N, C-alpha and C. Protein backbone atom coordinates (compact mmCIF):
# COMPACT_ATOMS: atom_id res chain seq x y z
N MET A 1 0.79 -1.04 -0.19
CA MET A 1 0.03 0.05 -0.06
C MET A 1 0.86 1.33 0.27
N LEU A 2 0.75 2.17 -0.58
CA LEU A 2 1.19 3.37 -0.72
C LEU A 2 0.91 4.34 0.03
N ARG A 3 1.84 5.00 0.70
CA ARG A 3 1.30 5.89 1.83
C ARG A 3 2.07 7.31 1.32
N ALA A 4 1.10 8.58 1.52
CA ALA A 4 1.63 9.64 0.41
C ALA A 4 1.82 10.61 2.24
N GLN A 5 2.77 11.44 2.43
CA GLN A 5 3.19 12.49 3.09
C GLN A 5 2.52 13.62 2.30
N LEU A 6 1.59 14.23 2.45
CA LEU A 6 1.39 15.66 2.14
C LEU A 6 1.14 16.37 3.37
N THR A 7 1.99 17.50 2.76
CA THR A 7 2.40 19.10 3.80
C THR A 7 1.39 20.33 2.97
N ALA A 8 0.62 20.86 3.97
CA ALA A 8 0.03 22.26 3.18
C ALA A 8 0.32 23.57 3.82
N THR A 9 0.37 24.36 3.66
CA THR A 9 0.11 25.73 4.59
C THR A 9 -1.17 26.38 4.46
N VAL A 10 -1.99 26.45 5.57
CA VAL A 10 -3.59 26.88 5.94
C VAL A 10 -2.85 28.42 5.74
N THR A 11 -3.86 29.03 4.95
CA THR A 11 -3.19 30.45 5.16
C THR A 11 -5.48 30.87 4.52
N ASP A 12 -4.94 32.57 5.07
CA ASP A 12 -6.91 32.79 4.46
C ASP A 12 -6.47 33.59 3.11
N GLN A 13 -5.66 33.22 2.20
CA GLN A 13 -5.50 33.95 1.06
C GLN A 13 -6.53 33.09 0.02
N THR A 14 -7.17 33.47 -0.75
CA THR A 14 -8.13 32.80 -1.92
C THR A 14 -7.85 33.04 -3.13
N ASP A 15 -7.76 32.20 -4.05
CA ASP A 15 -7.31 32.62 -5.29
C ASP A 15 -8.93 32.54 -6.02
N PRO A 16 -9.12 33.65 -7.10
CA PRO A 16 -10.31 33.50 -8.31
C PRO A 16 -10.14 32.23 -8.96
N LEU A 17 -11.42 31.79 -9.02
CA LEU A 17 -11.65 30.66 -9.92
C LEU A 17 -10.88 30.63 -11.22
N VAL A 18 -10.53 31.93 -11.89
CA VAL A 18 -10.15 31.50 -13.32
C VAL A 18 -8.64 31.09 -13.25
N ALA A 19 -8.31 31.54 -11.62
CA ALA A 19 -6.50 30.89 -11.79
C ALA A 19 -6.47 29.59 -11.57
N ILE A 20 -7.64 29.37 -11.45
CA ILE A 20 -7.57 27.41 -11.05
C ILE A 20 -8.24 26.72 -11.89
N ALA A 21 -8.79 27.01 -12.48
CA ALA A 21 -9.68 26.34 -13.87
C ALA A 21 -9.73 26.81 -15.18
N ASP A 22 -9.35 26.36 -16.23
CA ASP A 22 -9.23 27.10 -17.48
C ASP A 22 -10.86 27.35 -17.81
N LEU A 23 -11.49 28.13 -18.03
CA LEU A 23 -12.69 28.49 -17.92
C LEU A 23 -13.13 28.20 -19.31
N ASP A 24 -12.12 28.44 -20.26
CA ASP A 24 -12.25 28.69 -21.43
C ASP A 24 -12.35 27.45 -22.66
N ARG A 25 -12.31 26.55 -21.42
CA ARG A 25 -12.05 25.05 -22.18
C ARG A 25 -13.22 24.07 -21.27
N PRO A 26 -14.71 24.11 -21.36
CA PRO A 26 -15.55 23.28 -20.40
C PRO A 26 -15.49 21.92 -21.04
N LEU A 27 -15.13 21.09 -20.15
CA LEU A 27 -14.94 19.60 -20.67
C LEU A 27 -16.65 18.81 -20.45
N GLY A 28 -17.59 19.74 -20.07
CA GLY A 28 -18.89 18.79 -20.00
C GLY A 28 -20.07 19.42 -19.09
N PHE A 29 -20.95 18.97 -19.04
CA PHE A 29 -22.05 19.89 -18.21
C PHE A 29 -22.99 18.49 -17.16
N LYS A 30 -23.22 18.73 -15.99
CA LYS A 30 -24.02 18.00 -15.35
C LYS A 30 -24.88 18.64 -14.71
N ALA A 31 -26.23 18.24 -15.16
CA ALA A 31 -27.29 19.36 -14.25
C ALA A 31 -27.24 20.69 -14.38
N ASN A 32 -27.02 21.29 -13.08
CA ASN A 32 -26.51 23.21 -13.47
C ASN A 32 -25.17 22.80 -13.08
N TYR A 33 -24.21 21.94 -13.17
CA TYR A 33 -22.96 22.38 -12.92
C TYR A 33 -21.87 22.35 -14.39
N ALA A 34 -20.92 23.12 -14.20
CA ALA A 34 -20.16 22.91 -15.67
C ALA A 34 -18.64 22.25 -14.99
N ILE A 35 -17.93 21.51 -15.56
CA ILE A 35 -16.66 21.16 -15.64
C ILE A 35 -15.88 21.21 -15.96
N PHE A 36 -14.48 21.88 -15.34
CA PHE A 36 -13.57 22.56 -16.09
C PHE A 36 -12.18 21.91 -15.95
N PRO A 37 -11.34 21.91 -16.70
CA PRO A 37 -10.32 21.16 -16.77
C PRO A 37 -9.13 22.35 -15.46
N LEU A 38 -8.61 21.53 -14.78
CA LEU A 38 -7.98 22.40 -13.94
C LEU A 38 -6.27 22.98 -14.55
N ARG A 39 -5.89 23.85 -14.36
CA ARG A 39 -4.76 24.34 -14.73
C ARG A 39 -3.45 23.79 -14.30
N ALA A 40 -3.46 23.13 -12.88
CA ALA A 40 -2.39 22.63 -11.98
C ALA A 40 -2.90 21.95 -11.31
N GLU A 41 -1.77 20.91 -10.75
CA GLU A 41 -2.50 20.28 -9.24
C GLU A 41 -2.64 20.99 -8.33
N ASN A 42 -3.31 20.32 -7.60
CA ASN A 42 -2.66 20.94 -6.02
C ASN A 42 -2.79 20.07 -4.97
N ILE A 43 -2.92 20.51 -3.74
CA ILE A 43 -2.85 19.56 -2.41
C ILE A 43 -3.99 18.62 -2.74
N LEU A 44 -5.19 18.90 -2.94
CA LEU A 44 -6.36 17.80 -2.87
C LEU A 44 -6.69 16.96 -3.92
N THR A 45 -5.83 17.80 -5.43
CA THR A 45 -5.81 16.98 -6.57
C THR A 45 -5.01 15.82 -6.23
N THR A 46 -3.55 15.97 -5.40
CA THR A 46 -2.80 14.87 -5.29
C THR A 46 -3.42 14.03 -4.05
N TYR A 47 -3.96 14.60 -3.42
CA TYR A 47 -4.88 13.48 -2.14
C TYR A 47 -5.38 12.67 -2.51
N MET A 48 -6.17 13.13 -3.98
CA MET A 48 -7.37 12.28 -4.16
C MET A 48 -6.87 11.38 -5.27
N MET A 49 -5.37 10.98 -5.73
CA MET A 49 -4.84 10.55 -6.52
C MET A 49 -4.35 9.22 -6.00
N VAL A 50 -3.94 9.49 -4.54
CA VAL A 50 -3.02 8.65 -3.97
C VAL A 50 -3.73 6.75 -4.03
N PRO A 51 -5.17 6.72 -3.96
CA PRO A 51 -5.35 5.30 -4.17
C PRO A 51 -5.26 4.61 -5.63
N PHE A 52 -5.06 5.74 -6.53
CA PHE A 52 -4.58 5.04 -7.97
C PHE A 52 -3.29 5.18 -8.50
N ALA A 53 -2.39 5.58 -6.93
CA ALA A 53 -0.74 5.50 -7.32
C ALA A 53 0.01 4.36 -7.10
N ASN A 54 1.00 3.95 -7.97
CA ASN A 54 1.31 2.70 -7.25
C ASN A 54 2.86 2.83 -7.79
N ALA A 55 3.83 2.57 -6.15
CA ALA A 55 5.34 2.88 -6.72
C ALA A 55 5.84 2.12 -7.72
N ALA A 56 5.42 1.40 -7.82
CA ALA A 56 6.54 0.15 -8.90
C ALA A 56 5.95 0.12 -10.14
N SER A 57 4.80 0.61 -10.31
CA SER A 57 3.98 0.34 -11.96
C SER A 57 3.33 1.78 -12.24
N GLY A 58 3.80 2.65 -11.39
CA GLY A 58 2.82 4.12 -11.64
C GLY A 58 1.47 4.19 -11.61
N VAL A 59 0.36 3.91 -11.65
CA VAL A 59 -1.09 3.76 -11.76
C VAL A 59 -1.78 2.80 -11.87
N HIS A 60 -3.10 2.50 -11.12
CA HIS A 60 -3.13 1.59 -11.32
C HIS A 60 -5.03 1.40 -11.21
N ASP A 61 -5.64 0.44 -10.93
CA ASP A 61 -7.24 0.80 -10.63
C ASP A 61 -7.37 0.51 -9.14
N PRO A 62 -7.85 0.85 -8.23
CA PRO A 62 -7.69 0.61 -6.91
C PRO A 62 -8.60 -0.37 -6.62
N GLY A 63 -9.63 -0.64 -7.81
CA GLY A 63 -10.86 -1.57 -7.40
C GLY A 63 -10.48 -3.03 -7.94
N GLY A 64 -9.56 -2.97 -8.73
CA GLY A 64 -9.51 -4.34 -9.43
C GLY A 64 -8.29 -4.83 -9.08
């Protein structure tokens, strides 16, 4: 099992949505939601990727 060590500094600074998502290239829509690609990875996306990462072979399906 891969264990990740994530560190983050908590601040009260916020970024505008346009700095995080590429608003000119929507990927799709689901009900009232628009889905946009991220401009860069961040601590949340790195944390969400942990179950899919494997040190030996790169990425894998955690369910199978």
